N, C-alpha and C. Protein backbone atom coordinates (compact mmCIF):
# COMPACT_ATOMS: atom_id res chain seq x y z
N MET A 1 0.97 -1.35 0.10
CA MET A 1 0.00 0.14 -0.19
C MET A 1 1.01 1.04 0.06
N ALA A 2 0.26 2.08 -0.57
CA ALA A 2 1.00 3.33 -1.39
C ALA A 2 1.23 4.18 0.52
N ALA A 3 2.18 4.93 0.27
CA ALA A 3 2.17 5.60 1.63
C ALA A 3 0.93 6.74 2.09
N ARG A 4 0.83 7.39 1.03
CA ARG A 4 -0.58 8.56 0.86
C ARG A 4 -2.08 7.68 1.17
N SER A 5 -2.29 6.41 0.70
CA SER A 5 -2.56 5.70 0.91
C SER A 5 -3.15 5.08 2.23
N LYS A 6 -2.17 4.68 2.78
CA LYS A 6 -1.98 4.42 4.45
C LYS A 6 -2.18 5.41 5.40
N ALA A 7 -1.67 6.28 4.65
CA ALA A 7 -1.88 7.87 5.67
C ALA A 7 -3.86 8.29 5.43
N ARG A 8 -4.33 7.63 4.35
CA ARG A 8 -5.92 8.24 4.52
C ARG A 8 -6.28 7.33 5.08
N LYS A 9 -5.81 5.70 5.33
CA LYS A 9 -6.71 4.89 6.20
C LYS A 9 -6.41 5.19 7.52
N ARG A 10 -5.26 5.91 7.85
CA ARG A 10 -4.98 6.33 9.34
C ARG A 10 -5.80 7.32 9.64
N ALA A 11 -5.94 8.31 8.41
CA ALA A 11 -7.28 9.52 8.91
C ALA A 11 -8.02 8.87 9.09
N LEU A 12 -8.79 8.19 8.09
CA LEU A 12 -10.18 7.69 8.71
C LEU A 12 -10.37 7.05 9.90
N ASP A 13 -9.26 5.90 10.39
CA ASP A 13 -9.38 5.39 11.39
C ASP A 13 -9.39 6.53 12.71
N LEU A 14 -8.60 7.69 12.48
CA LEU A 14 -8.66 8.42 14.00
C LEU A 14 -10.23 9.43 13.75
N LEU A 15 -10.59 10.20 12.39
CA LEU A 15 -11.86 10.79 12.10
C LEU A 15 -12.98 9.69 12.69
N TYR A 16 -13.10 8.49 12.28
CA TYR A 16 -14.24 7.75 12.55
C TYR A 16 -14.32 7.52 13.93
N ALA A 17 -13.05 7.26 14.52
CA ALA A 17 -13.60 6.71 16.01
C ALA A 17 -13.51 8.18 16.81
N CYS A 18 -13.16 9.34 16.70
CA CYS A 18 -13.44 10.50 16.90
C CYS A 18 -15.09 11.01 16.72
N GLU A 19 -15.51 10.52 15.88
CA GLU A 19 -16.92 10.57 15.45
C GLU A 19 -17.81 9.86 16.49
N LEU A 20 -17.40 8.66 16.47
CA LEU A 20 -18.12 7.72 17.57
C LEU A 20 -18.43 8.52 18.93
N ARG A 21 -16.97 8.63 19.45
CA ARG A 21 -16.77 9.12 20.87
C ARG A 21 -17.16 10.79 21.11
N GLY A 22 -17.63 11.32 20.27
CA GLY A 22 -17.95 12.79 20.31
C GLY A 22 -16.62 13.55 20.67
N ASP A 23 -15.36 13.04 20.26
CA ASP A 23 -14.35 13.40 19.83
C ASP A 23 -13.84 14.98 19.28
N ASP A 24 -12.94 15.95 19.26
CA ASP A 24 -12.70 16.66 18.22
C ASP A 24 -10.89 15.95 17.77
N PRO A 25 -11.57 15.85 16.68
CA PRO A 25 -10.14 14.76 15.96
C PRO A 25 -8.94 15.73 15.87
N VAL A 26 -9.17 16.98 15.80
CA VAL A 26 -7.64 17.56 15.87
C VAL A 26 -7.10 17.68 17.47
N ALA A 27 -8.11 18.04 18.22
CA ALA A 27 -7.50 17.78 19.90
C ALA A 27 -6.80 16.15 19.92
N THR A 28 -7.14 15.61 19.65
CA THR A 28 -6.83 13.80 19.87
C THR A 28 -5.60 13.73 19.17
N LEU A 29 -5.64 14.42 17.88
CA LEU A 29 -4.81 14.08 17.52
C LEU A 29 -3.27 14.82 17.72
N GLU A 30 -3.55 16.18 18.25
CA GLU A 30 -2.60 16.51 18.56
C GLU A 30 -1.87 15.91 20.39
N GLN A 31 -2.92 15.26 21.03
CA GLN A 31 -2.54 14.55 21.96
C GLN A 31 -1.95 13.52 21.57
N ARG A 32 -2.09 12.66 20.73
CA ARG A 32 -1.68 11.42 20.18
C ARG A 32 0.22 12.13 19.44
N ILE A 33 0.18 12.83 18.72
CA ILE A 33 1.31 13.50 18.60
C ILE A 33 2.48 13.90 19.78
N ALA A 34 1.64 14.38 21.22
CA ALA A 34 2.30 14.86 22.25
C ALA A 34 2.58 13.68 23.05
N GLU A 35 2.05 12.64 22.55
CA GLU A 35 2.45 11.56 23.83
C GLU A 35 3.31 10.35 22.53
N GLY A 36 3.74 11.00 21.89
CA GLY A 36 4.54 10.40 20.80
C GLY A 36 3.66 9.16 19.84
N GLU A 37 2.77 9.08 19.92
CA GLU A 37 2.00 8.19 19.37
C GLU A 37 1.08 8.59 17.96
N GLY A 38 1.74 9.84 17.66
CA GLY A 38 0.67 10.41 16.22
C GLY A 38 1.37 9.45 15.05
N PRO A 39 0.63 10.39 14.27
CA PRO A 39 0.96 9.56 12.95
C PRO A 39 2.36 9.49 12.03
N THR A 40 2.66 8.77 11.48
CA THR A 40 4.27 8.64 11.13
C THR A 40 4.07 9.49 9.68
N ASN A 41 3.42 9.77 8.89
CA ASN A 41 2.98 10.50 7.73
C ASN A 41 2.28 11.68 7.98
N ASP A 42 2.93 12.81 7.79
CA ASP A 42 2.64 13.82 8.12
C ASP A 42 0.99 14.21 7.42
N TYR A 43 1.18 13.48 6.30
CA TYR A 43 -0.11 13.47 5.35
C TYR A 43 -1.69 13.07 6.13
N THR A 44 -1.55 12.46 7.15
CA THR A 44 -2.65 11.77 7.71
C THR A 44 -3.11 13.17 8.82
N ALA A 45 -2.30 13.53 9.38
CA ALA A 45 -2.30 14.82 10.33
C ALA A 45 -2.83 15.98 9.32
N LEU A 46 -2.31 16.29 7.94
CA LEU A 46 -2.37 17.13 7.25
C LEU A 46 -4.58 17.14 6.90
N LEU A 47 -4.91 15.72 6.71
CA LEU A 47 -6.06 15.33 6.56
C LEU A 47 -7.07 15.70 7.34
N VAL A 48 -7.01 15.17 8.76
CA VAL A 48 -7.13 15.50 9.91
C VAL A 48 -7.76 16.42 10.20
N ARG A 49 -6.71 17.39 9.76
CA ARG A 49 -6.61 18.99 10.44
C ARG A 49 -8.09 19.45 9.12
N GLY A 50 -7.47 19.44 7.60
CA GLY A 50 -8.09 20.14 6.57
C GLY A 50 -9.81 19.20 6.92
N VAL A 51 -9.94 18.22 7.16
CA VAL A 51 -11.59 17.68 7.27
C VAL A 51 -11.87 18.39 8.29
N ALA A 52 -11.40 18.18 9.67
CA ALA A 52 -12.19 19.27 10.54
C ALA A 52 -12.14 20.53 10.19
N ALA A 53 -11.11 21.22 9.80
CA ALA A 53 -11.34 22.48 9.38
C ALA A 53 -12.77 22.87 8.15
N HIS A 54 -12.95 22.16 7.82
CA HIS A 54 -13.91 22.17 6.28
C HIS A 54 -15.09 21.50 6.74
N GLN A 55 -15.47 20.30 8.05
CA GLN A 55 -16.20 19.69 7.68
C GLN A 55 -17.64 20.21 7.77
N GLY A 56 -17.79 21.22 8.37
CA GLY A 56 -19.06 21.95 8.01
C GLY A 56 -19.47 22.34 6.40
N ARG A 57 -18.72 22.73 5.67
CA ARG A 57 -19.12 22.91 4.18
C ARG A 57 -18.85 21.70 3.82
N ILE A 58 -18.05 20.62 4.02
CA ILE A 58 -18.22 19.35 3.35
C ILE A 58 -19.63 18.58 3.49
N ASP A 59 -19.80 18.75 4.70
CA ASP A 59 -21.33 18.09 5.11
C ASP A 59 -22.16 18.87 4.48
N GLU A 60 -22.42 20.03 4.34
CA GLU A 60 -23.44 20.75 3.65
C GLU A 60 -23.27 20.31 1.99
N LEU A 61 -22.15 20.12 1.06
CA LEU A 61 -21.70 19.62 -0.11
C LEU A 61 -22.81 18.07 0.20
N LEU A 62 -22.25 17.15 0.71
CA LEU A 62 -22.40 15.86 0.92
C LEU A 62 -24.13 15.70 1.04
N ARG A 63 -24.57 17.00 1.93
CA ARG A 63 -26.27 16.79 1.66
C ARG A 63 -26.99 17.03 1.04
N ALA A 64 -26.61 18.42 -0.05
CA ALA A 64 -26.69 18.40 -1.54
C ALA A 64 -26.46 17.42 -2.13
N TYR A 65 -25.68 16.62 -2.52
CA TYR A 65 -25.43 16.06 -3.31
C TYR A 65 -25.89 14.25 -2.86
N SER A 66 -26.25 14.11 -1.72
CA SER A 66 -27.12 12.43 -1.73
C SER A 66 -28.15 12.28 -1.81
N GLU A 67 -28.48 12.12 -2.48
CA GLU A 67 -29.98 12.20 -2.79
C GLU A 67 -30.78 11.02 -2.24
N GLY A 68 -31.72 11.21 -1.55
CA GLY A 68 -32.35 9.69 -0.88
C GLY A 68 -31.67 9.30 0.56
N TRP A 69 -30.52 10.34 0.96
CA TRP A 69 -29.83 9.90 1.90
C TRP A 69 -29.21 11.37 2.42
N VAL A 70 -29.83 10.68 4.41
CA VAL A 70 -29.51 11.78 5.33
C VAL A 70 -28.37 11.81 5.53
N LEU A 71 -27.62 12.89 5.93
CA LEU A 71 -25.86 12.32 6.17
C LEU A 71 -25.99 11.39 7.75
N GLU A 72 -26.55 11.83 8.32
CA GLU A 72 -26.51 11.13 9.71
C GLU A 72 -26.96 9.56 9.71
N ARG A 73 -27.54 8.93 8.52
CA ARG A 73 -27.97 7.99 8.53
C ARG A 73 -26.91 6.83 7.68
N MET A 74 -26.13 7.90 6.76
CA MET A 74 -25.33 7.16 6.44
C MET A 74 -24.45 6.19 7.23
N PRO A 75 -23.68 4.76 6.54
CA PRO A 75 -22.93 4.29 7.26
C PRO A 75 -21.59 4.97 7.52
N ALA A 76 -21.19 5.49 8.66
CA ALA A 76 -20.17 6.02 9.71
C ALA A 76 -18.65 5.97 8.48
N ILE A 77 -18.49 4.65 8.48
CA ILE A 77 -17.33 4.96 7.38
C ILE A 77 -17.27 5.42 6.12
N ASP A 78 -18.76 5.46 5.30
CA ASP A 78 -19.03 5.87 4.22
C ASP A 78 -19.11 7.38 4.22
N ARG A 79 -19.52 7.99 5.52
CA ARG A 79 -19.24 9.35 5.94
C ARG A 79 -18.30 10.00 5.83
N THR A 80 -17.02 9.17 6.36
CA THR A 80 -15.59 9.78 6.74
C THR A 80 -15.18 9.57 5.76
N ALA A 81 -15.31 8.49 4.85
CA ALA A 81 -14.50 8.67 3.81
C ALA A 81 -14.84 9.89 2.82
N LEU A 82 -15.96 9.93 2.45
CA LEU A 82 -16.63 10.98 1.69
C LEU A 82 -16.16 12.36 2.06
N ARG A 83 -15.91 12.33 3.46
CA ARG A 83 -15.23 14.06 4.30
C ARG A 83 -14.00 14.04 3.86
N ILE A 84 -13.02 12.68 3.29
CA ILE A 84 -12.17 12.53 3.23
C ILE A 84 -11.60 12.75 1.59
N GLY A 85 -12.30 12.49 0.93
CA GLY A 85 -12.42 12.20 -0.37
C GLY A 85 -13.01 14.27 -0.73
N GLY A 86 -14.35 14.19 -0.25
CA GLY A 86 -14.41 15.87 -0.76
C GLY A 86 -13.08 16.56 -0.22
N TYR A 87 -12.76 16.42 0.78
CA TYR A 87 -11.66 17.51 1.12
C TYR A 87 -10.78 17.21 0.24
N GLU A 88 -10.18 15.97 -0.24
CA GLU A 88 -9.13 16.19 -1.08
C GLU A 88 -9.62 16.51 -2.37
N LEU A 89 -10.58 16.58 -3.00
CA LEU A 89 -10.94 16.68 -4.06
C LEU A 89 -11.33 18.50 -4.21
N LEU A 90 -11.67 19.14 -2.82
CA LEU A 90 -12.02 20.68 -3.56
C LEU A 90 -11.24 21.08 -2.94
N TRP A 91 -10.20 21.02 -1.83
CA TRP A 91 -8.85 21.88 -1.05
C TRP A 91 -7.73 21.46 -1.22
N GLU A 92 -7.36 20.38 -1.63
CA GLU A 92 -6.17 19.83 -2.03
C GLU A 92 -5.49 20.05 -3.58
N ASP A 93 -4.78 20.86 -3.93
CA ASP A 93 -4.59 20.92 -5.19
C ASP A 93 -3.42 19.79 -5.57
N ASP A 94 -2.51 19.68 -4.87
CA ASP A 94 -1.34 18.51 -4.97
C ASP A 94 -2.37 17.02 -5.55
N VAL A 95 -3.72 16.89 -4.70
CA VAL A 95 -3.64 15.40 -5.24
C VAL A 95 -4.81 15.90 -6.63
N PRO A 96 -4.68 14.62 -7.62
CA PRO A 96 -5.12 14.73 -8.69
C PRO A 96 -6.29 14.43 -8.25
N ASP A 97 -7.77 15.08 -8.96
CA ASP A 97 -8.98 14.57 -8.94
C ASP A 97 -9.35 13.47 -9.00
N PRO A 98 -9.35 12.50 -10.04
CA PRO A 98 -9.41 10.99 -9.86
C PRO A 98 -8.82 10.05 -9.21
N VAL A 99 -7.31 10.55 -8.25
CA VAL A 99 -7.08 10.10 -7.21
C VAL A 99 -7.76 10.03 -6.08
N ALA A 100 -8.02 11.81 -5.56
CA ALA A 100 -8.73 11.74 -4.58
C ALA A 100 -10.22 11.00 -4.34
N VAL A 101 -11.16 10.50 -5.66
CA VAL A 101 -11.93 9.92 -5.63
C VAL A 101 -11.85 8.18 -5.85
N SER A 102 -10.64 8.19 -6.31
CA SER A 102 -10.39 6.40 -6.30
C SER A 102 -10.10 6.13 -5.10
N GLU A 103 -9.39 6.70 -4.39
CA GLU A 103 -8.90 6.55 -2.75
C GLU A 103 -10.10 6.22 -2.17
N ALA A 104 -11.09 7.42 -2.06
CA ALA A 104 -12.15 7.06 -1.29
C ALA A 104 -13.01 5.73 -1.63
N ILE A 105 -12.99 5.41 -3.01
CA ILE A 105 -13.75 4.31 -3.20
C ILE A 105 -12.87 3.17 -2.60
N ALA A 106 -11.44 2.91 -2.71
CA ALA A 106 -10.55 1.93 -2.42
C ALA A 106 -11.09 1.96 -0.65
N LEU A 107 -11.26 2.72 0.16
CA LEU A 107 -11.59 3.03 1.62
C LEU A 107 -12.86 2.12 1.80
N VAL A 108 -13.63 2.82 1.03
CA VAL A 108 -14.87 1.83 1.57
C VAL A 108 -15.17 0.58 0.88
N ARG A 109 -14.40 0.16 -0.27
CA ARG A 109 -14.43 -0.97 -0.57
C ARG A 109 -13.81 -2.40 0.38
N GLU A 110 -12.70 -1.76 0.93
CA GLU A 110 -11.99 -2.44 2.10
C GLU A 110 -12.72 -2.39 3.38
N LEU A 111 -13.97 -1.49 3.70
CA LEU A 111 -14.09 -1.17 5.14
C LEU A 111 -15.57 -1.69 5.22
N SER A 112 -16.57 -1.20 4.24
CA SER A 112 -18.01 -0.76 4.55
C SER A 112 -18.54 -1.74 3.43
N THR A 113 -19.24 -1.71 3.00
CA THR A 113 -20.52 -2.64 2.59
C THR A 113 -20.29 -2.57 0.99
N ASP A 114 -21.10 -3.79 0.10
CA ASP A 114 -20.61 -3.72 -0.96
C ASP A 114 -21.26 -2.86 -2.10
N ASP A 115 -22.20 -2.19 -1.55
CA ASP A 115 -22.59 -0.79 -2.21
C ASP A 115 -22.28 0.30 -1.90
N SER A 116 -21.58 0.04 -1.03
CA SER A 116 -20.75 1.34 -0.74
C SER A 116 -19.76 2.35 -1.85
N PRO A 117 -18.62 1.55 -2.54
CA PRO A 117 -17.90 1.75 -3.28
C PRO A 117 -18.75 2.70 -4.65
N GLY A 118 -20.05 2.28 -5.34
CA GLY A 118 -20.73 2.83 -5.99
C GLY A 118 -21.18 4.25 -5.42
N PHE A 119 -22.09 3.88 -4.52
CA PHE A 119 -22.55 5.13 -3.76
C PHE A 119 -21.41 6.38 -3.36
N VAL A 120 -20.20 6.15 -3.20
CA VAL A 120 -19.19 6.95 -2.66
C VAL A 120 -18.66 8.01 -4.11
N ASN A 121 -18.28 6.73 -4.96
CA ASN A 121 -18.21 7.00 -6.63
C ASN A 121 -19.05 8.04 -7.19
N GLY A 122 -20.72 7.88 -6.86
CA GLY A 122 -21.76 8.85 -7.02
C GLY A 122 -21.54 9.87 -6.63
N ILE A 123 -21.10 10.16 -5.38
CA ILE A 123 -21.38 11.33 -4.87
C ILE A 123 -20.08 12.24 -5.32
N LEU A 124 -18.89 11.68 -5.20
CA LEU A 124 -17.77 12.50 -5.25
C LEU A 124 -17.64 12.68 -7.04
N GLY A 125 -18.10 11.92 -7.99
CA GLY A 125 -18.06 11.76 -9.08
C GLY A 125 -18.97 13.46 -9.29
N ALA A 126 -20.32 13.59 -8.77
CA ALA A 126 -21.02 14.87 -8.94
C ALA A 126 -20.45 15.63 -8.41
N LEU A 127 -19.76 15.50 -7.23
CA LEU A 127 -18.82 17.03 -7.10
C LEU A 127 -17.76 17.12 -8.02
N LEU A 128 -17.58 16.46 -8.13
CA LEU A 128 -16.03 16.59 -9.24
C LEU A 128 -16.90 17.77 -10.61
N ARG A 129 -17.65 16.91 -10.94
CA ARG A 129 -18.67 17.55 -12.21
C ARG A 129 -18.63 18.95 -11.82
N ASP A 130 -19.08 19.16 -10.90
CA ASP A 130 -19.69 20.57 -10.53
C ASP A 130 -18.44 21.37 -9.67
N LYS A 131 -17.38 21.05 -9.22
CA LYS A 131 -16.45 21.54 -8.87
C LYS A 131 -16.44 23.04 -9.16
N ASP A 132 -15.89 23.64 -10.12
CA ASP A 132 -15.79 24.39 -10.41
C ASP A 132 -16.87 25.83 -10.50
N LEU A 133 -17.95 24.91 -10.15
CA LEU A 133 -19.37 25.94 -10.10
C LEU A 133 -19.40 26.30 -8.70
N LEU A 134 -19.05 25.36 -7.46
CA LEU A 134 -19.23 25.61 -6.27
C LEU A 134 -18.47 26.64 -5.59
N ASP A 135 -19.20 27.39 -4.75
CA ASP A 135 -18.49 28.50 -3.99
C ASP A 135 -18.07 27.85 -2.70
N LEU A 136 -17.03 27.26 -2.32
CA LEU A 136 -16.44 26.88 -1.22
C LEU A 136 -16.75 27.48 0.32
N ASP A 137 -16.87 28.80 -0.11
CA ASP A 137 -17.13 29.50 0.99
C ASP A 137 -18.65 29.75 1.56
N GLU A 138 -19.47 29.56 0.66
CA GLU A 138 -20.58 30.57 0.47
C GLU A 138 -21.57 28.93 1.19
N PRO A 139 -22.61 29.12 1.85
CA PRO A 139 -23.82 28.00 2.37
C PRO A 139 -24.80 27.63 1.22
N GLU A 140 -25.26 26.43 1.50
CA GLU A 140 -26.03 25.40 0.45
C GLU A 140 -26.71 26.25 -0.08
N ALA A 141 -27.06 27.63 -0.58
CA ALA A 141 -28.14 27.86 -1.24
C ALA A 141 -27.39 27.82 -2.52
N LEU A 142 -26.22 28.10 -2.89
CA LEU A 142 -26.17 28.32 -4.33
C LEU A 142 -25.93 26.50 -4.82
N ASP A 143 -25.80 25.77 -3.96
CA ASP A 143 -25.04 24.47 -4.03
C ASP A 143 -26.19 23.70 -4.47
N GLU A 144 -27.97 24.24 -4.17
CA GLU A 144 -29.16 23.55 -4.32
C GLU A 144 -29.37 24.00 -6.11
N ALA A 145 -28.83 25.05 -6.05
CA ALA A 145 -28.99 25.59 -7.79
C ALA A 145 -28.22 24.81 -8.43
N VAL A 146 -27.01 24.59 -8.49
CA VAL A 146 -26.08 23.72 -8.97
C VAL A 146 -26.50 22.35 -9.27
N VAL A 147 -27.09 21.99 -7.82
CA VAL A 147 -27.03 20.35 -8.17
C VAL A 147 -28.53 20.35 -8.79
N GLY A 148 -29.43 21.16 -8.78
CA GLY A 148 -30.56 21.45 -9.60
C GLY A 148 -30.23 21.75 -11.35
N GLU A 149 -29.43 22.26 -11.18
CA GLU A 149 -29.19 22.93 -12.77
C GLU A 149 -28.56 21.22 -13.43
N ALA A 150 -27.40 20.81 -12.61
CA ALA A 150 -26.68 19.59 -13.03
C ALA A 150 -27.86 18.10 -13.26
N ALA A 151 -29.06 18.41 -12.23
CA ALA A 151 -30.21 17.12 -12.10
C ALA A 151 -30.52 17.65 -13.52
N ALA A 152 -30.95 18.52 -14.03
CA ALA A 152 -32.05 19.34 -15.16
C ALA A 152 -31.33 18.77 -16.63
N GLU A 153 -29.66 19.06 -16.30
CA GLU A 153 -28.90 18.66 -17.62
C GLU A 153 -29.10 17.10 -17.95
N ASP A 154 -29.21 16.24 -16.97
CA ASP A 154 -28.96 15.35 -16.89
C ASP A 154 -29.97 14.16 -17.15
N ALA A 155 -31.39 14.80 -16.71
CA ALA A 155 -32.29 14.08 -17.21
C ALA A 155 -32.57 14.25 -18.95
N VAL A 156 -33.25 13.25 -18.83
CA VAL A 156 -33.54 12.74 -20.75
C VAL A 156 -34.86 13.35 -21.00
N GLU A 157 -34.94 13.85 -21.85
CA GLU A 157 -36.47 14.39 -22.31
C GLU A 157 -37.26 13.03 -22.72
N ALA A 158 -38.56 12.58 -22.44
CA ALA A 158 -39.00 12.03 -23.28
C ALA A 158 -39.38 12.35 -24.62
N PRO A 159 -39.73 11.27 -25.41
CA PRO A 159 -39.93 11.41 -26.66
C PRO A 159 -41.23 12.07 -26.79
N ALA A 160 -41.31 12.61 -27.90
CA ALA A 160 -42.80 13.04 -28.15
C ALA A 160 -43.39 12.05 -29.07
N PRO A 161 -44.99 11.95 -28.51
CA PRO A 161 -45.66 10.99 -29.10
C PRO A 161 -46.11 11.08 -30.43
């Protein structure tokens, strides 16, 4: 497994555990680093801090793009992998977009349900499609318009009788 793939897995482990316990992931990360138990790859820390810093916005986008799913009812592993993938896709310029998507899919393929890879691919693929249209600093009002426009473009018109 490549170094960044391992870093993503470690970030997912920490973010997932903190969510289940209700702990602050950055505080937990800092505590582990202070105790000498922190991640050996700096990319793990970058992901944890990045997801924590942008989690509110990431979650707004995931809610807007996950048709038929409430964020809180998604499997926790899927939700965490989507947050990592969304962060890399939207805020990490040194990660190619296809890599961000495929790495998130790889995480859920290994750790979640059989349906999870397709689910994660669909949401991150839609985010990628609309990436240039999203205002990453604004609330979801703009995103609802973008998602609505994209859905209308994707809809196939029924042929006239």
